[in-house]
Amino acid sequence: MTDFVGDLRLIQEENERKQVEALWNGHSRFQCPAYVIGYGGEAEALVLLYLYQRATFISSSTEKEAVLEIRVKEEKIADRCGLGPWSVSRSICKLEADCRIRVSRTRDKITGEKQISIYLLLHSATKEPLRSSPGDYGFCHANFERPYITVPAESFEILLAHMTSGPFCRIMAL
């Protein structure tokens, strides 16, 4: 009898998994930790959403599991998030202070100009860098980062349009 109940449970779990996957068919998506909501739509939330979206793409494209490094300039983050360079710089410093990311900054030895920085997303409990999950969009799920939110990639552009068209757009451009 227990074997029968166990088998039914496995079948039910498999059916639920298939239903969830079917819901997302045809949609590009990424996962981000639920703590992003705590930033209340501020610049930090946009920067984190961008980094998690980019991390998901990098992670699913890798061939083997490794510490995930996101290499990008602050100017690129500002451009993609519709924020000013000072807002991005301030947001990155706040995210570092909150132990959400770790940043390795590099500067040109001759000109002193900022070059590409390397961003590591940190686990909320262990503060260790998150690892890639080859072939899987479930970046937070694979790293046991709970709770998380699955976000359709199209919503990032909608969020940006909403955030930069309201009364906050003058503040965020700083």
Protein backbone atom coordinates (compact mmCIF):
# COMPACT_ATOMS: atom_id res chain seq x y z
CA MET A 1 0.00 0.00 0.00
CA THR A 2 2.81 2.45 0.84
CA ASP A 3 4.43 1.75 -2.54
CA PHE A 4 1.17 2.63 -4.28
CA VAL A 5 0.84 5.91 -2.34
CA GLY A 6 4.50 6.75 -2.98
CA ASP A 7 4.08 6.12 -6.71
CA LEU A 8 0.96 8.30 -6.81
CA ARG A 9 2.87 11.08 -5.07
CA LEU A 10 5.70 10.90 -7.62
CA ILE A 11 3.23 10.99 -10.51
CA GLN A 12 1.47 14.00 -9.00
CA GLU A 13 4.77 15.87 -8.50
CA GLU A 14 5.78 15.15 -12.10
CA ASN A 15 2.42 16.39 -13.40
CA GLU A 16 2.72 19.60 -11.36
CA ARG A 17 6.23 20.20 -12.73
CA LYS A 18 4.98 19.74 -16.29
CA GLN A 19 2.12 22.19 -15.68
CA VAL A 20 4.51 24.85 -14.39
CA GLU A 21 6.81 24.37 -17.39
CA ALA A 22 3.83 24.55 -19.77
CA LEU A 23 2.84 27.89 -18.23
CA TRP A 24 6.17 29.41 -19.26
CA ASN A 25 6.41 27.88 -22.76
CA GLY A 26 7.29 30.54 -25.32
CA HIS A 27 8.38 33.07 -22.68
CA SER A 28 11.89 34.10 -21.84
CA ARG A 29 12.17 34.23 -18.06
CA PHE A 30 14.58 34.61 -15.20
CA GLN A 31 14.52 34.17 -11.45
CA CYS A 32 15.42 36.74 -8.84
CA PRO A 33 15.30 36.56 -5.03
CA ALA A 34 12.14 37.87 -3.39
CA TYR A 35 14.20 40.34 -1.32
CA VAL A 36 14.34 42.55 -4.45
CA ILE A 37 10.82 43.66 -3.52
CA GLY A 38 12.25 45.15 -0.32
CA TYR A 39 14.06 47.77 -2.37
CA GLY A 40 10.65 49.17 -3.33
CA GLY A 41 11.31 49.96 -6.97
CA GLU A 42 14.39 52.05 -6.19
CA ALA A 43 17.51 52.01 -8.35
CA GLU A 44 18.92 49.08 -6.35
CA ALA A 45 15.98 46.91 -7.43
CA LEU A 46 16.51 47.76 -11.10
CA VAL A 47 20.23 47.04 -10.89
CA LEU A 48 19.59 43.70 -9.15
CA LEU A 49 16.94 42.72 -11.70
CA TYR A 50 19.34 43.52 -14.53
CA LEU A 51 22.16 41.52 -12.91
CA TYR A 52 19.90 38.50 -12.27
CA GLN A 53 18.53 38.63 -15.81
CA ARG A 54 22.05 38.71 -17.20
CA ALA A 55 23.22 36.02 -14.76
CA THR A 56 20.44 33.68 -15.88
CA PHE A 57 21.48 34.03 -19.51
CA ILE A 58 25.16 33.48 -18.69
CA SER A 59 24.38 30.59 -16.35
CA SER A 60 22.19 28.69 -18.79
CA SER A 61 24.80 29.15 -21.55
CA THR A 62 27.71 27.67 -19.58
CA GLU A 63 28.94 24.13 -20.03
CA LYS A 64 29.92 23.35 -16.44
CA GLU A 65 29.09 24.60 -12.98
CA ALA A 66 31.33 27.39 -11.69
CA VAL A 67 31.15 30.63 -9.73
CA LEU A 68 29.12 32.98 -11.90
CA GLU A 69 30.91 36.18 -12.89
CA ILE A 70 29.02 38.99 -14.58
CA ARG A 71 31.45 41.23 -16.46
CA VAL A 72 29.96 44.61 -17.31
CA LYS A 73 30.70 48.33 -17.07
CA GLU A 74 28.65 50.56 -14.81
CA GLU A 75 27.81 52.67 -17.87
CA LYS A 76 26.19 49.64 -19.52
CA ILE A 77 24.11 48.98 -16.39
CA ALA A 78 23.04 52.64 -16.36
CA ASP A 79 22.06 52.45 -20.02
CA ARG A 80 20.09 49.20 -19.69
CA CYS A 81 18.33 50.33 -16.49
CA GLY A 82 17.57 53.88 -17.65
CA LEU A 83 19.47 55.31 -14.69
CA GLY A 84 22.14 57.95 -14.36
CA PRO A 85 25.73 56.89 -13.70
CA TRP A 86 25.72 58.30 -10.16
CA SER A 87 22.53 56.41 -9.30
CA VAL A 88 24.06 53.16 -10.53
CA SER A 89 27.31 53.78 -8.67
CA ARG A 90 25.43 54.60 -5.45
CA SER A 91 23.16 51.56 -5.91
CA ILE A 92 26.10 49.22 -6.40
CA CYS A 93 27.74 50.54 -3.23
CA LYS A 94 24.48 50.01 -1.29
CA LEU A 95 24.08 46.47 -2.68
CA GLU A 96 27.66 45.71 -1.64
CA ALA A 97 26.98 47.06 1.86
CA ASP A 98 23.82 44.92 2.03
CA CYS A 99 25.90 41.82 1.07
CA ARG A 100 23.82 41.22 -2.08
CA ILE A 101 26.76 41.48 -4.49
CA ARG A 102 30.54 41.52 -4.46
CA VAL A 103 32.36 43.69 -6.99
CA SER A 104 35.89 43.51 -8.31
CA ARG A 105 36.68 46.87 -9.94
CA THR A 106 39.47 47.48 -12.39
CA ARG A 107 40.94 50.71 -13.71
CA ASP A 108 43.18 51.43 -16.64
CA LYS A 109 46.73 51.81 -15.28
CA ILE A 110 47.52 54.77 -17.53
CA THR A 111 44.30 56.78 -17.70
CA GLY A 112 42.73 55.70 -14.41
CA GLU A 113 39.41 55.24 -16.24
CA LYS A 114 37.00 52.57 -14.96
CA GLN A 115 37.07 49.37 -16.96
CA ILE A 116 34.78 46.37 -16.86
CA SER A 117 33.89 45.29 -13.33
CA ILE A 118 33.21 41.72 -12.26
CA TYR A 119 30.00 41.24 -10.27
CA LEU A 120 29.30 38.22 -8.08
CA LEU A 121 25.75 37.67 -6.84
CA LEU A 122 25.76 36.48 -3.23
CA HIS A 123 23.48 33.95 -1.55
CA SER A 124 21.22 35.70 0.97
CA ALA A 125 21.96 33.24 3.80
CA THR A 126 25.53 32.07 3.25
CA LYS A 127 26.90 35.23 1.56
CA GLU A 128 28.78 32.92 -0.81
CA PRO A 129 28.85 33.61 -4.58
CA LEU A 130 26.10 31.91 -6.58
CA ARG A 131 27.11 29.23 -9.08
CA SER A 132 26.02 28.69 -12.66
CA SER A 133 23.44 26.05 -13.51
CA PRO A 134 24.26 24.89 -17.05
CA GLY A 135 21.29 24.53 -19.37
CA ASP A 136 18.78 25.63 -16.72
CA TYR A 137 17.06 29.01 -16.41
CA GLY A 138 16.29 28.19 -12.75
CA PHE A 139 19.31 30.02 -11.41
CA CYS A 140 17.87 30.79 -7.94
CA HIS A 141 16.27 27.35 -7.67
CA ALA A 142 19.55 25.61 -8.49
CA ASN A 143 21.41 27.69 -5.87
CA PHE A 144 18.78 27.13 -3.16
CA GLU A 145 18.13 30.87 -3.03
CA ARG A 146 14.65 30.90 -1.48
CA PRO A 147 12.15 32.48 -1.81
CA TYR A 148 12.47 33.61 -5.41
CA ILE A 149 10.29 35.16 -8.07
CA THR A 150 10.07 33.97 -11.68
CA VAL A 151 9.95 37.04 -13.91
CA PRO A 152 9.06 37.11 -17.61
CA ALA A 153 11.95 38.87 -19.36
CA GLU A 154 9.49 41.15 -21.18
CA SER A 155 8.42 42.65 -17.86
CA PHE A 156 11.89 44.15 -17.31
CA GLU A 157 11.33 46.57 -20.20
CA ILE A 158 7.81 47.37 -18.96
CA LEU A 159 9.14 48.03 -15.47
CA LEU A 160 11.81 50.35 -16.84
CA ALA A 161 9.26 52.29 -18.86
CA HIS A 162 7.00 52.61 -15.83
CA MET A 163 9.79 53.66 -13.46
CA THR A 164 11.38 56.20 -15.79
CA SER A 165 8.15 57.89 -16.94
CA GLY A 166 6.74 58.82 -13.54
CA PRO A 167 7.68 61.50 -10.99
CA PHE A 168 10.76 59.50 -9.98
CA CYS A 169 12.45 59.90 -13.37
CA ARG A 170 14.06 63.23 -12.40
CA ILE A 171 15.48 61.69 -9.22
CA MET A 172 16.71 58.53 -10.93
CA ALA A 173 18.54 60.51 -13.64
CA LEU A 174 20.95 61.92 -11.04
